[in-house]
Protein backbone atom coordinates (compact mmCIF):
# COMPACT_ATOMS: atom_id res chain seq x y z
CA MET A 1 -4.26 27.08 -5.27
CA PRO A 2 -1.73 29.60 -3.40
CA THR A 3 1.76 29.68 -4.87
CA ALA A 4 3.94 26.93 -3.60
CA HIS A 5 6.23 27.58 -0.64
CA PRO A 6 9.27 25.43 0.18
CA SER A 7 7.88 24.91 3.87
CA GLY A 8 4.60 23.88 2.60
CA TRP A 9 1.46 25.30 0.98
CA ALA A 10 0.09 26.71 4.28
CA HIS A 11 3.20 29.23 4.47
CA ALA A 12 2.41 30.77 1.11
CA ASP A 13 0.88 34.30 1.02
CA GLY A 14 -2.86 34.06 1.51
CA ALA A 15 -2.91 30.19 1.81
CA LEU A 16 -5.21 30.00 4.79
CA ARG A 17 -6.86 33.47 4.36
CA SER A 18 -10.50 33.31 3.60
CA THR A 19 -11.87 35.20 0.66
CA ARG A 20 -13.81 37.59 2.87
CA PRO A 21 -13.47 38.41 6.62
CA GLY A 22 -16.71 36.15 7.38
CA GLY A 23 -15.45 33.10 5.43
CA PRO A 24 -15.45 32.02 1.83
CA HIS A 25 -18.31 33.21 -0.35
CA TRP A 26 -20.20 30.05 -0.28
CA LEU A 27 -20.21 29.77 3.53
CA ARG A 28 -23.39 31.20 5.22
CA GLU A 29 -23.81 31.63 8.93
CA PRO A 30 -26.43 29.13 10.14
CA ASP A 31 -29.61 30.08 11.86
CA ASP A 32 -29.08 27.18 14.21
CA THR A 33 -25.61 25.75 14.75
CA ASN A 34 -27.29 22.77 16.35
CA ALA A 35 -28.92 21.70 13.16
CA LEU A 36 -27.42 19.22 10.70
CA VAL A 37 -27.28 20.00 6.93
CA ALA A 38 -28.73 16.53 6.11
CA HIS A 39 -27.18 16.03 2.62
CA LEU A 40 -23.66 16.17 3.99
CA TRP A 41 -24.28 13.24 6.31
CA SER A 42 -25.07 9.62 6.16
CA ALA A 43 -28.69 8.76 6.10
CA THR A 44 -28.93 7.63 9.62
CA ALA A 45 -27.24 10.71 11.23
CA THR A 46 -29.53 12.69 13.52
CA LYS A 47 -29.18 15.14 16.30
CA THR A 48 -31.12 15.07 19.65
CA ASP A 49 -30.63 17.99 22.07
CA GLY A 50 -27.21 18.72 20.22
CA VAL A 51 -25.81 15.08 20.42
CA LEU A 52 -25.06 13.50 17.16
CA SER A 53 -25.95 9.83 16.60
CA VAL A 54 -25.12 7.72 13.49
CA GLY A 55 -26.68 4.23 13.07
CA GLY A 56 -28.65 4.77 16.19
CA VAL A 57 -25.44 5.17 18.21
CA PRO A 58 -24.89 8.48 20.25
CA LEU A 59 -21.27 9.61 19.30
CA PRO A 60 -20.32 10.49 22.99
CA GLU A 61 -21.14 6.84 23.65
CA LEU A 62 -19.22 5.57 20.92
CA VAL A 63 -16.19 7.76 22.04
CA ARG A 64 -16.51 6.52 25.61
CA GLU A 65 -16.31 2.84 24.35
CA HIS A 66 -13.69 3.21 21.45
CA GLY A 67 -11.90 6.47 22.12
CA SER A 68 -11.20 9.46 19.80
CA PRO A 69 -10.49 10.29 17.14
CA ALA A 70 -12.38 7.55 15.32
CA TYR A 71 -13.95 7.03 11.82
CA VAL A 72 -17.64 6.07 12.04
CA LEU A 73 -18.79 3.89 9.24
CA ASP A 74 -22.64 3.73 8.69
CA GLU A 75 -23.31 0.27 7.36
CA ASP A 76 -26.89 0.92 6.27
CA ASP A 77 -25.99 4.05 4.40
CA PHE A 78 -22.84 2.43 2.69
CA ARG A 79 -24.94 -0.50 1.45
CA ALA A 80 -27.99 1.61 0.41
CA ARG A 81 -25.69 3.83 -1.66
CA ALA A 82 -23.81 0.72 -3.19
CA ARG A 83 -27.30 -0.89 -4.18
CA ALA A 84 -28.50 2.53 -5.55
CA PHE A 85 -25.59 2.62 -7.98
CA ARG A 86 -26.09 -0.95 -8.82
CA ASP A 87 -29.73 -0.67 -9.52
CA ALA A 88 -29.60 2.63 -11.26
CA PHE A 89 -26.83 1.23 -13.47
CA ASP A 90 -28.57 -2.16 -14.02
CA ASP A 91 -27.14 -2.74 -17.38
CA TYR A 92 -23.72 -1.87 -16.35
CA GLU A 93 -20.88 -3.50 -14.23
CA VAL A 94 -20.40 -1.25 -11.37
CA PHE A 95 -16.84 -1.23 -9.77
CA TYR A 96 -16.42 -0.01 -6.40
CA ALA A 97 -13.20 2.05 -5.74
CA GLY A 98 -11.02 0.15 -3.49
CA LYS A 99 -8.49 2.77 -3.07
CA ALA A 100 -11.29 5.14 -1.52
CA PHE A 101 -11.53 2.77 1.46
CA LEU A 102 -11.10 -0.90 1.59
CA CYS A 103 -11.02 -3.65 4.34
CA THR A 104 -12.44 -7.17 4.30
CA THR A 105 -15.89 -6.09 5.93
CA VAL A 106 -16.48 -3.84 3.05
CA ALA A 107 -15.34 -6.23 0.53
CA ARG A 108 -17.82 -8.74 1.78
CA TRP A 109 -20.69 -6.18 1.75
CA LEU A 110 -19.86 -5.43 -1.87
CA ALA A 111 -19.73 -9.06 -2.58
CA GLU A 112 -23.06 -9.64 -1.05
CA ASP A 113 -24.73 -6.66 -2.74
CA GLY A 114 -23.44 -7.68 -6.29
CA LEU A 115 -20.88 -5.00 -7.06
CA SER A 116 -17.51 -5.49 -8.60
CA LEU A 117 -14.31 -4.13 -7.18
CA ASP A 118 -11.25 -2.12 -8.44
CA VAL A 119 -7.89 -2.66 -6.96
CA CYS A 120 -4.65 -0.97 -7.62
CA SER A 121 -1.98 -2.77 -5.44
CA GLY A 122 -1.02 -6.07 -4.49
CA GLY A 123 -2.19 -5.13 -0.85
CA GLU A 124 -5.72 -4.26 -2.03
CA LEU A 125 -5.74 -7.52 -4.04
CA THR A 126 -4.73 -9.54 -0.78
CA VAL A 127 -7.69 -7.72 1.17
CA ALA A 128 -10.07 -8.94 -1.59
CA GLU A 129 -8.83 -12.43 -1.49
CA ARG A 130 -8.95 -12.63 2.24
CA ALA A 131 -12.49 -11.45 2.05
CA GLY A 132 -13.38 -14.13 -0.34
CA PHE A 133 -14.48 -11.64 -3.08
CA PRO A 134 -15.20 -13.29 -6.44
CA MET A 135 -11.99 -12.71 -8.49
CA GLU A 136 -13.91 -12.76 -11.72
CA ARG A 137 -15.43 -9.47 -10.49
CA VAL A 138 -12.13 -7.73 -9.69
CA GLY A 139 -10.39 -5.17 -12.02
CA PHE A 140 -6.66 -4.56 -11.26
CA HIS A 141 -5.58 -0.88 -12.05
CA GLY A 142 -2.34 0.98 -11.88
CA ASN A 143 0.34 2.53 -14.11
CA ASN A 144 3.27 0.45 -12.58
CA LYS A 145 2.15 -2.85 -11.43
CA THR A 146 5.06 -5.12 -10.37
CA VAL A 147 5.88 -8.47 -11.96
CA ALA A 148 4.93 -10.20 -8.62
CA GLU A 149 1.61 -8.33 -8.51
CA LEU A 150 0.78 -9.21 -12.04
CA ALA A 151 1.56 -12.86 -11.35
CA ARG A 152 -0.59 -12.86 -8.36
CA ALA A 153 -3.49 -11.52 -10.17
CA VAL A 154 -3.00 -14.00 -13.01
CA GLU A 155 -2.84 -16.93 -10.48
CA LEU A 156 -5.95 -15.76 -8.72
CA GLY A 157 -7.96 -15.40 -11.90
CA VAL A 158 -8.58 -11.67 -11.64
CA GLY A 159 -11.37 -10.84 -14.08
CA ARG A 160 -9.64 -8.13 -15.85
CA VAL A 161 -6.28 -6.25 -15.74
CA ILE A 162 -6.42 -2.64 -17.01
CA VAL A 163 -3.01 -2.15 -18.80
CA ASP A 164 -1.33 1.32 -18.61
CA SER A 165 1.88 0.88 -20.68
CA PHE A 166 3.54 -1.15 -23.44
CA ASP A 167 6.01 -2.46 -20.87
CA GLU A 168 2.99 -3.72 -18.84
CA ILE A 169 1.41 -5.50 -21.83
CA GLY A 170 4.50 -7.51 -22.80
CA ARG A 171 5.06 -8.28 -19.14
CA LEU A 172 1.47 -9.54 -18.77
CA ALA A 173 1.54 -11.36 -22.00
CA SER A 174 4.77 -13.35 -20.82
CA LEU A 175 3.40 -14.09 -17.51
CA ALA A 176 0.01 -15.45 -18.70
CA GLU A 177 1.70 -17.76 -21.16
CA GLU A 178 4.13 -19.09 -18.44
CA LEU A 179 1.27 -19.70 -16.19
CA VAL A 180 -0.88 -21.12 -18.91
CA ARG A 181 -3.69 -18.68 -18.23
CA THR A 182 -5.80 -16.47 -20.41
CA VAL A 183 -6.34 -12.95 -18.76
CA GLY A 184 -8.99 -10.48 -19.69
CA VAL A 185 -7.46 -7.09 -20.54
CA MET A 186 -8.83 -3.52 -20.77
CA VAL A 187 -6.74 -0.79 -22.42
CA ARG A 188 -6.66 2.51 -20.44
CA VAL A 189 -6.81 5.45 -22.89
CA THR A 190 -6.61 9.18 -22.49
CA ALA A 191 -9.33 11.04 -24.33
CA GLY A 192 -7.65 14.53 -24.02
CA VAL A 193 -10.50 15.75 -21.89
CA GLU A 194 -9.87 17.63 -18.52
CA ALA A 195 -12.40 17.26 -16.04
CA HIS A 196 -13.40 20.55 -13.98
CA THR A 197 -11.66 19.25 -10.83
CA HIS A 198 -8.28 19.62 -8.87
CA GLU A 199 -5.33 19.14 -11.15
CA TYR A 200 -4.11 16.00 -9.18
CA ILE A 201 -7.51 14.21 -9.71
CA ALA A 202 -8.15 15.10 -13.36
CA THR A 203 -6.92 12.05 -15.12
CA ALA A 204 -7.97 12.16 -18.79
CA HIS A 205 -5.66 15.03 -20.17
CA GLU A 206 -2.55 14.18 -21.97
CA ASP A 207 0.15 15.35 -19.84
CA GLN A 208 -0.09 12.87 -17.00
CA LYS A 209 1.01 9.38 -16.17
CA PHE A 210 -2.27 7.43 -16.75
CA GLY A 211 -3.14 5.58 -20.01
CA PHE A 212 -2.44 5.56 -23.74
CA SER A 213 -3.17 8.75 -25.81
CA ILE A 214 -5.77 8.33 -28.44
CA ALA A 215 -4.47 11.32 -30.23
CA SER A 216 -1.03 10.11 -30.57
CA GLY A 217 -2.11 6.66 -31.86
CA ASP A 218 -0.59 4.85 -28.95
CA ALA A 219 -3.94 3.77 -27.82
CA LEU A 220 -4.55 1.78 -31.01
CA GLU A 221 -1.11 0.38 -31.13
CA ALA A 222 -1.79 -0.84 -27.53
CA VAL A 223 -4.95 -2.58 -28.69
CA ARG A 224 -3.08 -4.03 -31.61
CA ARG A 225 -0.60 -5.80 -29.09
CA VAL A 226 -2.98 -7.01 -26.77
CA HIS A 227 -5.12 -8.61 -29.42
CA ALA A 228 -1.95 -10.10 -31.12
CA ALA A 229 -0.82 -11.75 -27.65
CA PRO A 230 -2.20 -15.44 -27.52
CA ALA A 231 -2.79 -15.42 -23.81
CA LEU A 232 -4.64 -12.13 -23.44
CA ARG A 233 -8.23 -11.55 -24.17
CA LEU A 234 -9.17 -8.11 -25.34
CA LEU A 235 -12.21 -6.90 -23.51
CA GLY A 236 -12.14 -3.22 -24.47
CA LEU A 237 -11.30 0.38 -23.67
CA HIS A 238 -11.06 2.09 -20.27
CA SER A 239 -11.39 5.78 -19.82
CA HIS A 240 -11.41 7.99 -16.74
CA ILE A 241 -11.66 11.79 -16.84
CA GLY A 242 -11.23 12.67 -13.07
CA SER A 243 -12.85 12.66 -9.80
CA GLN A 244 -15.49 14.70 -7.75
CA ILE A 245 -17.43 15.18 -10.80
CA PHE A 246 -21.04 16.40 -10.36
CA ASP A 247 -22.88 15.69 -13.83
CA THR A 248 -22.33 13.69 -16.95
CA SER A 249 -21.50 16.54 -19.40
CA GLY A 250 -17.72 15.93 -18.94
CA PHE A 251 -18.26 12.46 -20.45
CA GLU A 252 -19.73 13.55 -23.60
CA VAL A 253 -16.46 14.55 -25.48
CA ALA A 254 -14.70 11.64 -23.86
CA ALA A 255 -17.37 9.12 -24.84
CA ARG A 256 -17.28 10.38 -28.45
CA ARG A 257 -13.59 9.96 -28.73
CA VAL A 258 -13.48 6.50 -26.92
CA LEU A 259 -16.39 5.05 -28.91
CA ALA A 260 -14.68 6.36 -32.18
CA LEU A 261 -11.47 4.39 -31.24
CA HIS A 262 -13.75 1.38 -30.39
CA ALA A 263 -15.30 1.59 -33.83
CA ARG A 264 -11.97 2.04 -35.58
CA VAL A 265 -10.64 -1.17 -33.83
CA GLY A 266 -13.70 -3.00 -35.27
CA ALA A 267 -12.99 -1.68 -38.78
CA ASP A 268 -9.34 -1.90 -38.79
CA LEU A 269 -8.67 -5.25 -36.86
CA GLY A 270 -11.94 -6.88 -37.35
CA VAL A 271 -12.47 -7.17 -33.65
CA GLU A 272 -15.61 -6.34 -31.97
CA MET A 273 -14.56 -5.51 -28.27
CA PRO A 274 -17.32 -6.57 -26.04
CA GLU A 275 -17.00 -3.91 -23.17
CA MET A 276 -16.09 -0.42 -22.37
CA ASP A 277 -15.46 1.29 -19.13
CA LEU A 278 -16.31 5.05 -18.92
CA GLY A 279 -14.85 5.56 -15.48
CA GLY A 280 -16.94 7.76 -13.21
CA GLY A 281 -15.56 9.51 -10.30
CA PHE A 282 -18.85 11.09 -9.16
CA GLY A 283 -18.75 13.80 -6.58
CA ILE A 284 -20.22 14.05 -3.06
CA ALA A 285 -21.25 16.94 -0.81
CA TYR A 286 -18.47 17.98 1.43
CA THR A 287 -19.98 21.51 2.08
CA THR A 288 -23.07 23.36 1.23
CA GLN A 289 -21.65 24.42 -2.00
CA ASP A 290 -21.63 20.88 -3.32
CA ASP A 291 -24.82 19.43 -5.05
CA PRO A 292 -24.14 15.93 -6.34
CA ALA A 293 -26.64 14.13 -8.73
CA GLU A 294 -28.49 11.17 -7.93
CA PRO A 295 -27.55 7.86 -9.35
CA ALA A 296 -30.43 7.29 -11.42
CA ASP A 297 -29.89 10.84 -13.15
CA LEU A 298 -26.11 9.89 -13.60
CA ALA A 299 -27.14 6.65 -15.30
CA ALA A 300 -29.80 8.20 -17.50
CA GLY A 301 -27.26 10.77 -18.67
CA MET A 302 -24.42 8.29 -19.30
CA SER A 303 -26.58 5.96 -21.07
CA GLN A 304 -27.93 8.77 -23.24
CA ILE A 305 -24.51 9.88 -24.34
CA VAL A 306 -23.52 6.42 -25.13
CA ALA A 307 -26.64 5.72 -27.18
CA HIS A 308 -26.26 8.85 -29.26
CA GLU A 309 -22.66 8.29 -30.00
CA CYS A 310 -23.08 4.68 -30.97
CA ARG A 311 -26.04 5.58 -33.28
CA ALA A 312 -23.75 8.43 -34.98
CA LEU A 313 -20.86 5.72 -35.50
CA GLY A 314 -23.47 3.02 -36.67
CA ILE A 315 -22.24 0.53 -34.04
CA SER A 316 -23.67 -1.58 -31.42
CA ALA A 317 -23.23 -0.38 -27.86
CA PRO A 318 -20.61 -2.42 -25.88
CA ARG A 319 -21.42 -3.62 -22.40
CA LEU A 320 -20.48 -0.67 -20.21
CA SER A 321 -18.80 -0.46 -16.78
CA ILE A 322 -18.93 2.49 -14.45
CA GLU A 323 -16.78 3.46 -11.43
CA PRO A 324 -18.66 5.75 -9.03
CA GLY A 325 -15.49 6.30 -6.95
CA ARG A 326 -15.88 8.16 -3.64
CA ALA A 327 -19.49 8.54 -4.14
CA ILE A 328 -20.42 5.13 -2.22
CA VAL A 329 -18.17 5.38 0.76
CA GLY A 330 -17.55 9.01 1.03
CA PRO A 331 -20.77 10.17 2.56
CA SER A 332 -21.17 7.05 4.67
CA MET A 333 -18.40 7.86 7.18
CA CYS A 334 -17.70 10.63 9.50
CA THR A 335 -14.87 11.35 11.94
CA VAL A 336 -15.39 12.19 15.50
CA TYR A 337 -12.57 14.21 17.35
CA GLU A 338 -12.14 15.50 20.97
CA VAL A 339 -11.46 19.35 21.32
CA GLY A 340 -8.20 19.89 23.06
CA THR A 341 -7.71 23.78 22.89
CA VAL A 342 -9.59 26.75 21.54
CA LYS A 343 -8.06 30.09 20.83
CA GLU A 344 -9.45 33.33 19.02
CA VAL A 345 -7.29 35.45 16.54
CA ALA A 346 -8.17 38.71 14.94
CA LEU A 347 -8.67 38.90 11.12
CA ASP A 348 -8.71 41.70 8.61
CA GLY A 349 -11.89 43.65 8.71
CA GLY A 350 -12.48 43.28 12.36
CA ALA A 351 -13.85 39.70 12.07
CA ARG A 352 -12.38 37.04 14.47
CA ARG A 353 -11.70 33.24 14.15
CA SER A 354 -11.62 30.56 16.62
CA TYR A 355 -8.88 27.90 16.13
CA VAL A 356 -10.44 24.73 17.37
CA SER A 357 -7.64 22.15 17.87
CA VAL A 358 -8.57 18.43 18.04
CA ASP A 359 -6.90 15.22 18.83
CA GLY A 360 -6.36 14.09 15.31
CA GLY A 361 -5.50 16.09 12.07
CA MET A 362 -3.46 15.51 9.01
CA SER A 363 -2.52 12.11 9.78
CA ASP A 364 -6.10 10.96 9.59
CA ASN A 365 -7.41 13.52 6.84
CA ILE A 366 -4.36 14.68 4.66
CA ARG A 367 -6.91 15.84 1.86
CA THR A 368 -7.19 19.33 3.11
CA ALA A 369 -3.38 19.85 2.90
CA LEU A 370 -2.91 17.74 -0.12
CA TYR A 371 -5.74 19.06 -2.36
CA ASP A 372 -6.84 22.21 -0.46
CA ALA A 373 -10.05 20.21 0.12
CA ASP A 374 -13.09 21.72 1.93
CA TYR A 375 -14.93 19.92 4.62
CA SER A 376 -17.73 20.80 7.33
CA ALA A 377 -17.99 20.28 11.07
CA THR A 378 -20.61 20.18 13.69
CA LEU A 379 -20.47 20.14 17.54
CA ALA A 380 -21.46 16.55 18.29
CA SER A 381 -21.81 16.13 22.11
CA ARG A 382 -24.12 18.61 23.34
CA ARG A 383 -26.66 21.62 22.39
CA SER A 384 -25.33 25.12 22.59
CA GLU A 385 -27.46 28.26 22.63
CA ALA A 386 -24.32 30.36 21.93
CA PRO A 387 -24.23 32.46 18.59
CA ALA A 388 -22.35 31.23 15.66
CA SER A 389 -18.63 31.88 15.39
CA LEU A 390 -16.32 31.51 12.44
CA ALA A 391 -13.91 28.67 13.23
CA ARG A 392 -11.10 26.56 11.85
CA VAL A 393 -10.85 23.11 12.99
CA VAL A 394 -6.91 22.15 13.14
CA GLY A 395 -4.94 19.24 14.23
CA LYS A 396 -2.34 18.63 16.70
CA HIS A 397 0.66 18.10 14.31
CA CYS A 398 3.60 20.28 14.11
CA GLU A 399 2.57 21.79 10.66
CA ALA A 400 0.94 25.06 9.69
CA GLY A 401 -0.88 23.09 7.01
CA ASP A 402 -2.42 20.71 9.77
CA VAL A 403 -5.92 21.93 9.02
CA VAL A 404 -9.02 19.62 8.96
CA VAL A 405 -11.77 22.11 8.24
CA LYS A 406 -10.71 25.53 6.87
CA ASP A 407 -13.81 27.48 7.43
CA GLU A 408 -16.88 26.53 9.43
CA PHE A 409 -19.43 28.27 11.68
CA LEU A 410 -19.50 26.69 15.19
CA PRO A 411 -20.88 27.82 18.47
CA SER A 412 -18.87 30.28 19.94
CA ASP A 413 -18.82 28.42 23.28
CA VAL A 414 -16.95 25.28 21.95
CA ARG A 415 -14.44 24.18 24.67
CA PRO A 416 -11.97 21.66 25.58
CA GLY A 417 -13.62 18.26 26.03
CA ASP A 418 -16.23 18.89 23.38
CA LEU A 419 -16.74 16.44 20.49
CA VAL A 420 -16.69 17.75 16.94
CA ALA A 421 -17.57 15.62 13.85
CA VAL A 422 -16.58 16.13 10.32
CA PRO A 423 -18.87 14.45 7.76
CA GLY A 424 -17.81 13.09 4.32
CA THR A 425 -14.62 11.39 5.40
CA GLY A 426 -15.21 7.84 4.09
CA ALA A 427 -13.21 8.27 0.96
CA TYR A 428 -9.36 8.46 1.01
CA CYS A 429 -9.14 9.71 4.55
CA ARG A 430 -8.21 6.29 6.32
CA SER A 431 -6.89 5.09 3.12
CA MET A 432 -4.33 7.79 3.02
CA ALA A 433 -3.78 7.98 6.79
CA SER A 434 -0.30 8.06 8.04
CA ASN A 435 1.80 7.77 11.19
CA TYR A 436 3.17 11.37 10.79
CA ASN A 437 4.75 12.60 14.17
CA HIS A 438 4.32 8.95 15.17
CA ALA A 439 0.56 9.30 15.42
CA LEU A 440 -1.45 6.17 15.79
CA ARG A 441 -3.97 5.76 13.07
CA PRO A 442 -7.68 5.77 14.44
CA PRO A 443 -10.14 2.92 14.24
CA VAL A 444 -12.97 2.50 11.91
CA ILE A 445 -16.03 1.73 13.92
CA GLY A 446 -19.13 0.37 12.20
CA VAL A 447 -22.52 1.23 13.43
CA ARG A 448 -26.15 -0.19 12.75
CA ASP A 449 -29.19 -0.47 14.59
CA GLY A 450 -27.84 1.19 17.73
CA LYS A 451 -24.73 -1.04 17.97
CA THR A 452 -21.05 -0.61 17.14
CA PHE A 453 -18.67 -3.10 15.90
CA THR A 454 -14.96 -2.69 15.12
CA VAL A 455 -14.10 -2.74 11.38
CA LEU A 456 -10.42 -1.57 11.84
CA ARG A 457 -9.02 -1.47 15.38
CA ARG A 458 -6.95 1.42 16.65
CA GLU A 459 -3.43 1.18 16.20
CA THR A 460 -1.20 0.69 19.26
CA GLU A 461 2.35 1.87 20.24
CA ALA A 462 3.19 -1.86 19.83
CA ASP A 463 1.98 -1.60 16.06
CA LEU A 464 3.96 1.55 15.68
CA MET A 465 7.26 -0.04 17.06
CA ALA A 466 6.84 -3.40 15.36
CA THR A 467 8.76 -2.39 12.25
CA ASP A 468 11.39 -0.46 14.15
CA VAL A 469 14.30 -3.11 14.32
CA GLY A 470 16.47 -0.89 16.33
CA VAL A 471 20.24 -1.55 16.99
CA SER A 472 21.99 -4.23 18.87
CA SER A 473 23.13 -3.05 22.23
């Protein structure tokens, strides 16, 4: 990451400069800019004469009906990915990450397909309740759940609360007693393992806000307190080493340490915890440099690690849970934009870059600015015979860091009125969308079998002004 700058990361020296004049080292000029790189897109995405279709719906038709920008959610792809994780991890409980993208439609799909659901706020819990999601299959995360959120979770019969502090254990124990309920509890632990990912999404090293440290002894003490609380039912330990992880090797050390604590709890407290959650956070392909593993391979790797460590410790394997994270919804959604302006700038070494400005930006995809994330893009509305040109897709906001795709080869004749689509935007883009510059958040349009349906409608100016109380005249 570039050095921080008080005006934002994009102002720092070299922040937006490619590693070479022709783009980053992994970016290759395509033989055909009209072709799709299949593994970046949802399964139903196709191109005919340069026109991108998803779920049998040509995106120009979708934009004519629903406007742009728009998130496009491929129902068949989403549900196929969900079922693939469910079936591959057939001995596990598979939790979908509500924070990646959640709405009542998605919650109903998950309920029908037999997955469980992670929530981490009262709002996400409300979505699950409104969708009629089975509360016994809900896990409630978060490092600072309010009393009101915990009380609501207890009242609704949430299947597990993942506790994250000693304050929360006491708070939850008191609430459960007051409400005369028994609450299932997982204790989130930090195993001291740092995943090879961005600093902000690596979550198992010691110096961060989540969980109880195994090394310091806090994790064992947390287990003792949960076990001692009459209204709390100790289910097991929860560990999460990060996000955008491409194989299971990073879980080996974490599993060893968490299972060792699991065994110690059995020996010291005489308690055999029935469950364990090893997290997940599996990666997806945002660009051609990414090569995610198949669910079956991930399941085989995780199960082999756990079986090996349990044999070494001489213990029975607990029932395992897994959290695929963005790997379900991430590839199932793309975002379609309309191009507004195009300008060409000179780069060092004689290369040139086109700045392709679209009608969205950091208000609908903050991840490039926040995480220095990489994305891909394609011309979606027509075929082009023009040669490839290095491009940067940028938004309409008043920020130098308002970048959607830092580096991509697009046809050199991209022009105003064209549609450009960005794959892999299902996870965290709509969830983290904002009204920056008073932008209106785009709709989520579902597609299936050649038809569209609105999942989340486009915001209106009336929505924007609804919370602006104003002043009395």
